[in-house]
Structure formats: structure tokens, C-alpha cells
């Protein structure tokens, strides 16, 4: 009986360690890559701020930022293209690209600035799986390209 319990516990611990390692790898695996940068831009992941340059990895949870006179282009694993204008902040909230298992999801939050979006395979295979949240609403992708520009609200005196 003791050997059975010990074997069961050992198997449970190994399963937990393997599952934790898989989750950790999934969270640190690149979901996209910076392709172009003009001016100053950054990729901030897990508190680490890296100056963006072609080849910089974008991961789940990364925040992408451009300075006031900058732009940046990012290509995701499914060939989604996003171009960011000056003074833009976008966070990659969700990304899942496993088309053979039917697992597709791209969710981002655009906090400020401008974004030119060109659909990749996720939007082509499952358009409802793509969303861009903004401070005033959520954009659902039903086409192949859109442009959004968030302007600062006008404050009345």
C-alpha cells in the first residue's frame, strides 16, 4: 500500500512539474517579431524593457510602445501584421495559434495611439477570435484590414 501511494504521489509531482514547465515555456515563447522600427520604440515583457529593433521577440503579455516621433511594425506567428504610429501603447493580452487543434485567439489592448491591422490566419480561419480593446470599446475583426487612431479626449472648460 505504501509503495502504491508513493508511486501515485511521485507521478502526481512529476505531472505537476511537467505542466508548470509547459505553462512557463508557453508564456515565454515568442508570438511575434518586430520587423521595422523608426525612431525609439520598446517591447516590455515581464517588467523588462528592451529597445525594439528588427528581430526583437514579442511574447504573450508584451507591451509595445512607440515614442512621439516613432513607428514600429510587428509580424505575429500567424502572419498578422500590426503597424504602430507615434506615441502608441498596445498590450498583447491573448495569443493562441494552434490551427490543427482549432485553437485560435488574438486579443490586444490599444491604450493610446494608432494601429494599422492586417489580418493573418487567425482572423481568416476564425474572425470572431480576434479583438482589439480600446478605452472606449472593443473592435471585432470581420474584414482583413482596419486602422484605428485614438485621440486624446477634448476637455471642456
N, C-alpha and C. Protein backbone atom coordinates (compact mmCIF):
# COMPACT_ATOMS: atom_id res chain seq x y z
N UNK A 1 0.82 -1.19 0.00
CA UNK A 1 0.00 0.00 0.00
C UNK A 1 0.87 1.25 0.00
N UNK A 2 1.95 1.27 0.83
CA UNK A 2 2.83 2.43 0.90
C UNK A 2 3.50 2.68 -0.45
N UNK A 3 3.92 1.61 -1.13
CA UNK A 3 4.56 1.77 -2.44
C UNK A 3 3.59 2.33 -3.46
N UNK A 4 2.33 1.91 -3.40
CA UNK A 4 1.32 2.42 -4.32
C UNK A 4 1.09 3.91 -4.09
N UNK A 5 0.99 4.32 -2.84
CA UNK A 5 0.79 5.74 -2.52
C UNK A 5 2.01 6.55 -2.95
N UNK A 6 3.21 6.02 -2.66
CA UNK A 6 4.45 6.72 -3.03
C UNK A 6 4.53 6.86 -4.55
N UNK A 7 4.21 5.82 -5.28
CA UNK A 7 4.22 5.88 -6.74
C UNK A 7 3.22 6.89 -7.25
N UNK A 8 2.02 6.89 -6.68
CA UNK A 8 0.98 7.83 -7.08
C UNK A 8 1.43 9.27 -6.81
N UNK A 9 2.00 9.52 -5.63
CA UNK A 9 2.46 10.86 -5.28
C UNK A 9 3.60 11.30 -6.19
N UNK A 10 4.54 10.39 -6.47
CA UNK A 10 5.65 10.71 -7.36
C UNK A 10 5.14 11.06 -8.75
N UNK A 11 4.19 10.28 -9.26
CA UNK A 11 3.61 10.56 -10.57
C UNK A 11 2.90 11.90 -10.57
N UNK A 12 2.19 12.21 -9.48
CA UNK A 12 1.50 13.49 -9.38
C UNK A 12 2.46 14.67 -9.36
N UNK A 13 3.56 14.53 -8.63
CA UNK A 13 4.57 15.59 -8.57
C UNK A 13 5.21 15.77 -9.95
N UNK A 14 5.55 14.69 -10.62
CA UNK A 14 6.14 14.78 -11.95
C UNK A 14 5.18 15.44 -12.94
N UNK A 15 3.92 15.07 -12.87
CA UNK A 15 2.91 15.69 -13.74
C UNK A 15 2.83 17.19 -13.49
N UNK A 16 2.79 17.57 -12.20
CA UNK A 16 2.71 18.99 -11.84
C UNK A 16 3.93 19.75 -12.34
N UNK A 17 5.12 19.20 -12.15
CA UNK A 17 6.34 19.85 -12.61
C UNK A 17 6.36 19.99 -14.13
N UNK A 18 5.95 18.95 -14.83
CA UNK A 18 5.90 18.99 -16.30
C UNK A 18 4.90 20.03 -16.77
N UNK A 19 3.73 20.05 -16.18
CA UNK A 19 2.68 21.01 -16.56
C UNK A 19 3.14 22.44 -16.30
N UNK A 20 3.78 22.68 -15.15
CA UNK A 20 4.29 24.01 -14.82
C UNK A 20 5.36 24.44 -15.82
N UNK A 21 6.23 23.54 -16.19
CA UNK A 21 7.28 23.85 -17.18
C UNK A 21 6.67 24.18 -18.53
N UNK A 22 5.64 23.44 -18.93
CA UNK A 22 4.98 23.70 -20.21
C UNK A 22 4.31 25.07 -20.20
N UNK A 23 3.63 25.41 -19.10
CA UNK A 23 2.99 26.73 -18.99
C UNK A 23 4.02 27.84 -19.03
N UNK A 24 5.12 27.64 -18.33
CA UNK A 24 6.18 28.64 -18.30
C UNK A 24 6.77 28.85 -19.69
N UNK A 25 6.99 27.76 -20.41
CA UNK A 25 7.52 27.85 -21.77
C UNK A 25 6.52 28.56 -22.68
N UNK A 26 5.24 28.27 -22.55
CA UNK A 26 4.22 28.90 -23.38
C UNK A 26 4.18 30.40 -23.12
N UNK A 27 4.42 30.81 -21.87
CA UNK A 27 4.38 32.23 -21.54
C UNK A 27 5.61 32.96 -22.03
N UNK A 28 6.73 32.28 -22.22
CA UNK A 28 7.95 32.94 -22.67
C UNK A 28 8.24 32.69 -24.15
N UNK A 29 7.41 31.96 -24.82
CA UNK A 29 7.61 31.67 -26.23
C UNK A 29 7.17 32.87 -27.07
N UNK A 30 7.95 33.20 -28.07
CA UNK A 30 7.63 34.34 -28.93
C UNK A 30 6.34 34.08 -29.69
N UNK A 31 5.48 35.11 -29.73
CA UNK A 31 4.25 35.05 -30.53
C UNK A 31 4.37 35.93 -31.76
N UNK A 32 5.42 36.73 -31.79
CA UNK A 32 5.66 37.62 -32.91
C UNK A 32 7.05 38.19 -32.85
N UNK A 33 7.37 39.00 -33.87
CA UNK A 33 8.69 39.59 -34.00
C UNK A 33 8.58 41.01 -34.53
N UNK A 34 9.38 41.89 -33.97
CA UNK A 34 9.47 43.25 -34.51
C UNK A 34 10.15 43.16 -35.87
N UNK A 35 9.53 43.77 -36.88
CA UNK A 35 10.10 43.75 -38.24
C UNK A 35 10.71 45.08 -38.63
N UNK A 36 10.08 46.20 -38.22
CA UNK A 36 10.59 47.52 -38.59
C UNK A 36 10.47 48.47 -37.40
N UNK A 37 11.41 49.39 -37.31
CA UNK A 37 11.36 50.43 -36.28
C UNK A 37 11.94 51.70 -36.87
N UNK A 38 11.24 52.81 -36.65
CA UNK A 38 11.75 54.13 -36.98
C UNK A 38 11.65 54.95 -35.70
N UNK A 39 12.73 55.55 -35.27
CA UNK A 39 12.73 56.29 -34.01
C UNK A 39 12.88 55.33 -32.84
N UNK A 40 12.40 55.77 -31.68
CA UNK A 40 12.53 54.95 -30.48
C UNK A 40 11.24 54.21 -30.16
N UNK A 41 11.39 52.91 -29.93
CA UNK A 41 10.26 52.05 -29.57
C UNK A 41 10.78 50.97 -28.62
N UNK A 42 9.85 50.39 -27.84
CA UNK A 42 10.24 49.41 -26.84
C UNK A 42 9.27 48.24 -26.81
N UNK A 43 9.80 47.10 -26.38
CA UNK A 43 8.99 45.92 -26.07
C UNK A 43 9.22 45.65 -24.58
N UNK A 44 8.14 45.69 -23.81
CA UNK A 44 8.25 45.50 -22.36
C UNK A 44 7.55 44.18 -22.03
N UNK A 45 8.33 43.23 -21.51
CA UNK A 45 7.81 41.90 -21.18
C UNK A 45 8.26 41.53 -19.77
N UNK A 46 7.32 41.18 -18.93
CA UNK A 46 7.61 40.76 -17.54
C UNK A 46 8.49 41.79 -16.84
N UNK A 47 8.20 43.08 -17.06
CA UNK A 47 8.93 44.14 -16.40
C UNK A 47 10.27 44.50 -17.04
N UNK A 48 10.67 43.75 -18.06
CA UNK A 48 11.94 44.01 -18.74
C UNK A 48 11.70 44.86 -19.98
N UNK A 49 12.26 46.06 -20.01
CA UNK A 49 12.10 46.99 -21.13
C UNK A 49 13.29 46.84 -22.07
N UNK A 50 12.99 46.47 -23.32
CA UNK A 50 14.03 46.26 -24.33
C UNK A 50 13.77 47.22 -25.48
N UNK A 51 14.82 47.89 -25.93
CA UNK A 51 14.68 48.77 -27.09
C UNK A 51 14.36 47.90 -28.31
N UNK A 52 13.28 48.25 -28.98
CA UNK A 52 12.83 47.45 -30.13
C UNK A 52 13.76 47.67 -31.31
N UNK A 53 14.06 46.58 -31.96
CA UNK A 53 14.81 46.58 -33.21
C UNK A 53 14.37 45.37 -34.01
N UNK A 54 14.59 45.36 -35.32
CA UNK A 54 14.17 44.18 -36.09
C UNK A 54 14.73 42.90 -35.47
N UNK A 55 13.84 41.94 -35.27
CA UNK A 55 14.22 40.67 -34.67
C UNK A 55 13.86 40.55 -33.20
N UNK A 56 13.49 41.65 -32.53
CA UNK A 56 13.11 41.59 -31.12
C UNK A 56 11.84 40.75 -30.97
N UNK A 57 11.85 39.82 -30.03
CA UNK A 57 10.70 38.94 -29.80
C UNK A 57 9.57 39.67 -29.09
N UNK A 58 8.35 39.33 -29.49
CA UNK A 58 7.14 39.79 -28.82
C UNK A 58 6.51 38.56 -28.20
N UNK A 59 6.17 38.63 -26.92
CA UNK A 59 5.62 37.49 -26.22
C UNK A 59 4.23 37.80 -25.69
N UNK A 60 3.54 36.78 -25.28
CA UNK A 60 2.25 36.95 -24.63
C UNK A 60 2.46 37.85 -23.42
N UNK A 61 1.69 38.91 -23.32
CA UNK A 61 1.82 39.85 -22.22
C UNK A 61 2.73 41.03 -22.53
N UNK A 62 3.42 41.00 -23.66
CA UNK A 62 4.30 42.12 -24.01
C UNK A 62 3.51 43.39 -24.24
N UNK A 63 4.09 44.50 -23.80
CA UNK A 63 3.54 45.82 -24.12
C UNK A 63 4.47 46.44 -25.16
N UNK A 64 3.86 46.94 -26.24
CA UNK A 64 4.61 47.54 -27.33
C UNK A 64 4.39 49.05 -27.27
N UNK A 65 5.49 49.82 -27.27
CA UNK A 65 5.40 51.27 -27.12
C UNK A 65 6.25 51.96 -28.17
N UNK A 66 5.72 53.06 -28.69
CA UNK A 66 6.50 53.91 -29.58
C UNK A 66 6.58 55.31 -28.98
N UNK A 67 7.68 56.01 -29.25
CA UNK A 67 7.86 57.38 -28.80
C UNK A 67 7.06 58.32 -29.70
N UNK A 68 7.10 59.62 -29.39
CA UNK A 68 6.29 60.60 -30.09
C UNK A 68 6.58 60.70 -31.59
N UNK A 69 7.78 60.47 -32.01
CA UNK A 69 8.11 60.57 -33.44
C UNK A 69 8.58 59.22 -33.98
N UNK A 70 7.91 58.14 -33.57
CA UNK A 70 8.37 56.79 -33.93
C UNK A 70 7.26 55.96 -34.54
N UNK A 71 7.67 54.86 -35.14
CA UNK A 71 6.72 53.86 -35.64
C UNK A 71 7.37 52.48 -35.50
N UNK A 72 6.54 51.46 -35.51
CA UNK A 72 7.05 50.09 -35.38
C UNK A 72 6.10 49.14 -36.09
N UNK A 73 6.67 48.12 -36.72
CA UNK A 73 5.88 47.07 -37.36
C UNK A 73 6.19 45.73 -36.74
N UNK A 74 5.14 44.95 -36.47
CA UNK A 74 5.28 43.63 -35.85
C UNK A 74 4.55 42.60 -36.69
N UNK A 75 5.18 41.44 -36.88
CA UNK A 75 4.54 40.31 -37.55
C UNK A 75 4.36 39.20 -36.52
N UNK A 76 3.12 38.69 -36.41
CA UNK A 76 2.83 37.60 -35.49
C UNK A 76 2.99 36.25 -36.20
N UNK A 77 3.04 35.16 -35.44
CA UNK A 77 3.29 33.82 -35.98
C UNK A 77 2.29 33.41 -37.07
N UNK A 78 1.06 33.93 -36.99
CA UNK A 78 0.04 33.58 -37.98
C UNK A 78 0.04 34.55 -39.17
N UNK A 79 1.06 35.40 -39.24
CA UNK A 79 1.22 36.42 -40.28
C UNK A 79 0.29 37.62 -40.13
N UNK A 80 -0.28 37.82 -38.96
CA UNK A 80 -0.98 39.07 -38.67
C UNK A 80 0.09 40.17 -38.66
N UNK A 81 -0.23 41.29 -39.30
CA UNK A 81 0.69 42.43 -39.33
C UNK A 81 0.07 43.59 -38.57
N UNK A 82 0.84 44.17 -37.67
CA UNK A 82 0.39 45.36 -36.95
C UNK A 82 1.46 46.43 -37.09
N UNK A 83 1.03 47.62 -37.47
CA UNK A 83 1.92 48.77 -37.58
C UNK A 83 1.45 49.82 -36.58
N UNK A 84 2.38 50.35 -35.81
CA UNK A 84 2.06 51.31 -34.76
C UNK A 84 2.62 52.67 -35.13
N UNK A 85 1.81 53.70 -34.97
CA UNK A 85 2.24 55.05 -35.23
C UNK A 85 2.88 55.67 -34.00
N UNK A 86 3.12 56.97 -34.06
CA UNK A 86 3.76 57.67 -32.93
C UNK A 86 2.93 57.61 -31.65
N UNK A 87 3.64 57.58 -30.53
CA UNK A 87 3.04 57.65 -29.20
C UNK A 87 1.92 56.62 -29.01
N UNK A 88 2.25 55.38 -29.29
CA UNK A 88 1.28 54.29 -29.22
C UNK A 88 1.66 53.30 -28.12
N UNK A 89 0.64 52.74 -27.46
CA UNK A 89 0.83 51.68 -26.47
C UNK A 89 -0.18 50.58 -26.73
N UNK A 90 0.30 49.36 -26.96
CA UNK A 90 -0.56 48.20 -27.18
C UNK A 90 -0.01 47.03 -26.37
N UNK A 91 -0.91 46.26 -25.76
CA UNK A 91 -0.52 45.08 -25.00
C UNK A 91 -1.10 43.84 -25.67
N UNK A 92 -0.28 42.79 -25.78
CA UNK A 92 -0.73 41.50 -26.31
C UNK A 92 -1.30 40.71 -25.14
N UNK A 93 -2.64 40.71 -25.02
CA UNK A 93 -3.31 40.06 -23.89
C UNK A 93 -3.48 38.56 -24.08
N UNK A 94 -3.81 38.16 -25.31
CA UNK A 94 -4.06 36.73 -25.60
C UNK A 94 -3.48 36.40 -26.96
N UNK A 95 -2.87 35.23 -27.06
CA UNK A 95 -2.42 34.76 -28.36
C UNK A 95 -2.36 33.24 -28.32
N UNK A 96 -3.10 32.63 -29.20
CA UNK A 96 -3.12 31.18 -29.31
C UNK A 96 -3.22 30.83 -30.78
N UNK A 97 -2.22 30.15 -31.30
CA UNK A 97 -2.22 29.77 -32.71
C UNK A 97 -1.85 28.30 -32.85
N UNK A 98 -2.88 27.46 -32.79
CA UNK A 98 -2.74 26.02 -32.98
C UNK A 98 -3.88 25.60 -33.92
N UNK A 99 -3.76 25.93 -35.22
CA UNK A 99 -4.87 25.71 -36.14
C UNK A 99 -5.28 24.25 -36.30
N UNK A 100 -4.35 23.31 -36.18
CA UNK A 100 -4.72 21.90 -36.33
C UNK A 100 -5.60 21.41 -35.19
N UNK A 101 -5.52 22.09 -34.02
CA UNK A 101 -6.38 21.76 -32.90
C UNK A 101 -7.59 22.70 -32.83
N UNK A 102 -7.69 23.63 -33.76
CA UNK A 102 -8.80 24.59 -33.75
C UNK A 102 -8.67 25.64 -32.65
N UNK A 103 -7.47 25.82 -32.12
CA UNK A 103 -7.25 26.78 -31.04
C UNK A 103 -6.65 28.05 -31.63
N UNK A 104 -7.49 29.09 -31.71
CA UNK A 104 -7.09 30.35 -32.33
C UNK A 104 -7.61 31.51 -31.49
N UNK A 105 -6.72 32.45 -31.16
CA UNK A 105 -7.13 33.62 -30.37
C UNK A 105 -6.07 34.70 -30.48
N UNK A 106 -6.51 35.92 -30.71
CA UNK A 106 -5.63 37.08 -30.68
C UNK A 106 -6.40 38.21 -30.02
N UNK A 107 -5.97 38.60 -28.84
CA UNK A 107 -6.61 39.68 -28.10
C UNK A 107 -5.57 40.69 -27.68
N UNK A 108 -5.82 41.96 -28.00
CA UNK A 108 -4.90 43.02 -27.64
C UNK A 108 -5.66 44.17 -27.00
N UNK A 109 -4.91 45.05 -26.32
CA UNK A 109 -5.47 46.27 -25.74
C UNK A 109 -4.67 47.45 -26.27
N UNK A 110 -5.34 48.32 -27.00
CA UNK A 110 -4.72 49.54 -27.50
C UNK A 110 -5.08 50.66 -26.53
N UNK A 111 -4.09 51.13 -25.78
CA UNK A 111 -4.34 52.15 -24.77
C UNK A 111 -4.31 53.56 -25.32
N UNK A 112 -3.44 53.78 -26.30
CA UNK A 112 -3.37 55.09 -26.95
C UNK A 112 -2.59 54.95 -28.25
N UNK A 113 -2.79 55.92 -29.14
CA UNK A 113 -2.02 55.95 -30.38
C UNK A 113 -2.79 55.43 -31.57
N UNK A 114 -2.03 54.93 -32.55
CA UNK A 114 -2.66 54.46 -33.78
C UNK A 114 -2.14 53.08 -34.17
N UNK A 115 -3.02 52.33 -34.80
CA UNK A 115 -2.73 50.95 -35.19
C UNK A 115 -3.31 50.70 -36.57
N UNK A 116 -2.47 50.15 -37.45
CA UNK A 116 -2.93 49.64 -38.74
C UNK A 116 -2.82 48.12 -38.63
N UNK A 117 -3.94 47.43 -38.79
CA UNK A 117 -4.03 45.99 -38.60
C UNK A 117 -4.32 45.31 -39.93
N UNK A 118 -3.56 44.27 -40.25
CA UNK A 118 -3.80 43.46 -41.44
C UNK A 118 -3.91 42.00 -41.00
N UNK A 119 -5.04 41.39 -41.28
CA UNK A 119 -5.36 40.04 -40.80
C UNK A 119 -4.34 38.99 -41.23
N UNK A 120 -4.10 38.08 -40.30
CA UNK A 120 -3.33 36.87 -40.57
C UNK A 120 -4.28 35.68 -40.59
N UNK A 121 -3.73 34.50 -40.35
CA UNK A 121 -4.52 33.27 -40.43
C UNK A 121 -5.58 33.16 -39.34
N UNK A 122 -5.32 33.69 -38.16
CA UNK A 122 -6.32 33.59 -37.08
C UNK A 122 -7.62 34.23 -37.53
N UNK A 123 -7.55 35.45 -38.05
CA UNK A 123 -8.77 36.16 -38.48
C UNK A 123 -9.39 35.52 -39.71
N UNK A 124 -8.58 34.91 -40.55
CA UNK A 124 -9.12 34.26 -41.75
C UNK A 124 -9.84 32.96 -41.40
N UNK A 125 -9.30 32.22 -40.43
CA UNK A 125 -9.91 30.95 -40.03
C UNK A 125 -11.04 31.12 -39.02
N UNK A 126 -10.92 32.12 -38.15
CA UNK A 126 -11.90 32.31 -37.08
C UNK A 126 -11.98 33.80 -36.72
N UNK A 127 -12.66 34.60 -37.56
CA UNK A 127 -12.68 36.05 -37.37
C UNK A 127 -13.12 36.49 -35.97
N UNK A 128 -14.04 35.78 -35.37
CA UNK A 128 -14.53 36.17 -34.04
C UNK A 128 -13.50 35.97 -32.93
N UNK A 129 -12.37 35.34 -33.26
CA UNK A 129 -11.32 35.09 -32.26
C UNK A 129 -10.35 36.26 -32.13
N UNK A 130 -10.56 37.32 -32.90
CA UNK A 130 -9.66 38.48 -32.87
C UNK A 130 -10.39 39.68 -32.29
N UNK A 131 -9.74 40.35 -31.33
CA UNK A 131 -10.32 41.58 -30.78
C UNK A 131 -9.23 42.55 -30.37
N UNK A 132 -9.56 43.83 -30.49
CA UNK A 132 -8.68 44.91 -30.04
C UNK A 132 -9.50 45.76 -29.09
N UNK A 133 -9.14 45.74 -27.83
CA UNK A 133 -9.84 46.57 -26.84
C UNK A 133 -9.24 47.97 -26.86
N UNK A 134 -10.11 48.96 -26.71
CA UNK A 134 -9.68 50.34 -26.57
C UNK A 134 -10.33 50.89 -25.30
N UNK A 135 -9.94 52.08 -24.85
CA UNK A 135 -10.56 52.63 -23.64
C UNK A 135 -12.07 52.85 -23.78
N UNK A 136 -12.57 52.93 -25.00
CA UNK A 136 -14.00 53.21 -25.18
C UNK A 136 -14.79 52.06 -25.78
N UNK A 137 -14.16 50.96 -26.13
CA UNK A 137 -14.89 49.85 -26.72
C UNK A 137 -13.96 48.77 -27.23
N UNK A 138 -14.54 47.77 -27.89
CA UNK A 138 -13.77 46.66 -28.45
C UNK A 138 -14.04 46.56 -29.93
N UNK A 139 -12.96 46.39 -30.70
CA UNK A 139 -13.07 46.21 -32.15
C UNK A 139 -13.01 44.72 -32.43
N UNK A 140 -14.01 44.21 -33.11
CA UNK A 140 -14.01 42.83 -33.55
C UNK A 140 -13.61 42.80 -35.02
N UNK A 141 -12.81 41.84 -35.40
CA UNK A 141 -12.32 41.77 -36.78
C UNK A 141 -13.27 40.95 -37.63
N UNK A 142 -13.80 41.57 -38.64
CA UNK A 142 -14.66 40.85 -39.58
C UNK A 142 -14.15 41.00 -41.01
N UNK A 143 -13.15 41.82 -41.19
CA UNK A 143 -12.56 42.03 -42.51
C UNK A 143 -11.10 41.67 -42.46
N UNK A 144 -10.34 42.24 -43.36
CA UNK A 144 -8.94 41.89 -43.40
C UNK A 144 -8.02 43.01 -42.96
N UNK A 145 -8.51 44.26 -42.96
CA UNK A 145 -7.66 45.37 -42.57
C UNK A 145 -8.49 46.48 -41.93
N UNK A 146 -7.91 47.13 -40.91
CA UNK A 146 -8.54 48.31 -40.36
C UNK A 146 -7.47 49.21 -39.76
N UNK A 147 -7.83 50.46 -39.59
CA UNK A 147 -6.97 51.47 -38.99
C UNK A 147 -7.74 52.10 -37.85
N UNK A 148 -7.08 52.23 -36.71
CA UNK A 148 -7.71 52.90 -35.56
C UNK A 148 -6.73 53.94 -35.03
N UNK A 149 -7.28 55.10 -34.69
CA UNK A 149 -6.48 56.18 -34.13
C UNK A 149 -7.20 56.71 -32.90
N UNK A 150 -6.59 56.54 -31.75
CA UNK A 150 -7.18 57.01 -30.50
C UNK A 150 -6.65 58.41 -30.22
N UNK A 151 -7.55 59.35 -30.17
CA UNK A 151 -7.17 60.73 -29.89
C UNK A 151 -7.51 61.06 -28.44
N UNK A 152 -6.73 61.96 -27.88
CA UNK A 152 -6.99 62.40 -26.51
C UNK A 152 -8.35 63.10 -26.48
N UNK A 153 -9.16 62.84 -25.47
CA UNK A 153 -10.47 63.47 -25.37
C UNK A 153 -10.34 64.99 -25.17
N UNK A 154 -11.26 65.71 -25.71
CA UNK A 154 -11.30 67.16 -25.55
C UNK A 154 -11.95 67.47 -24.21
N UNK A 155 -11.28 68.25 -23.38
CA UNK A 155 -11.81 68.59 -22.06
C UNK A 155 -12.43 69.99 -22.15
N UNK A 156 -13.71 70.07 -21.84
CA UNK A 156 -14.41 71.36 -21.86
C UNK A 156 -14.11 72.14 -20.59
N UNK A 157 -13.95 73.44 -20.74
CA UNK A 157 -13.69 74.30 -19.57
C UNK A 157 -14.96 74.82 -18.99
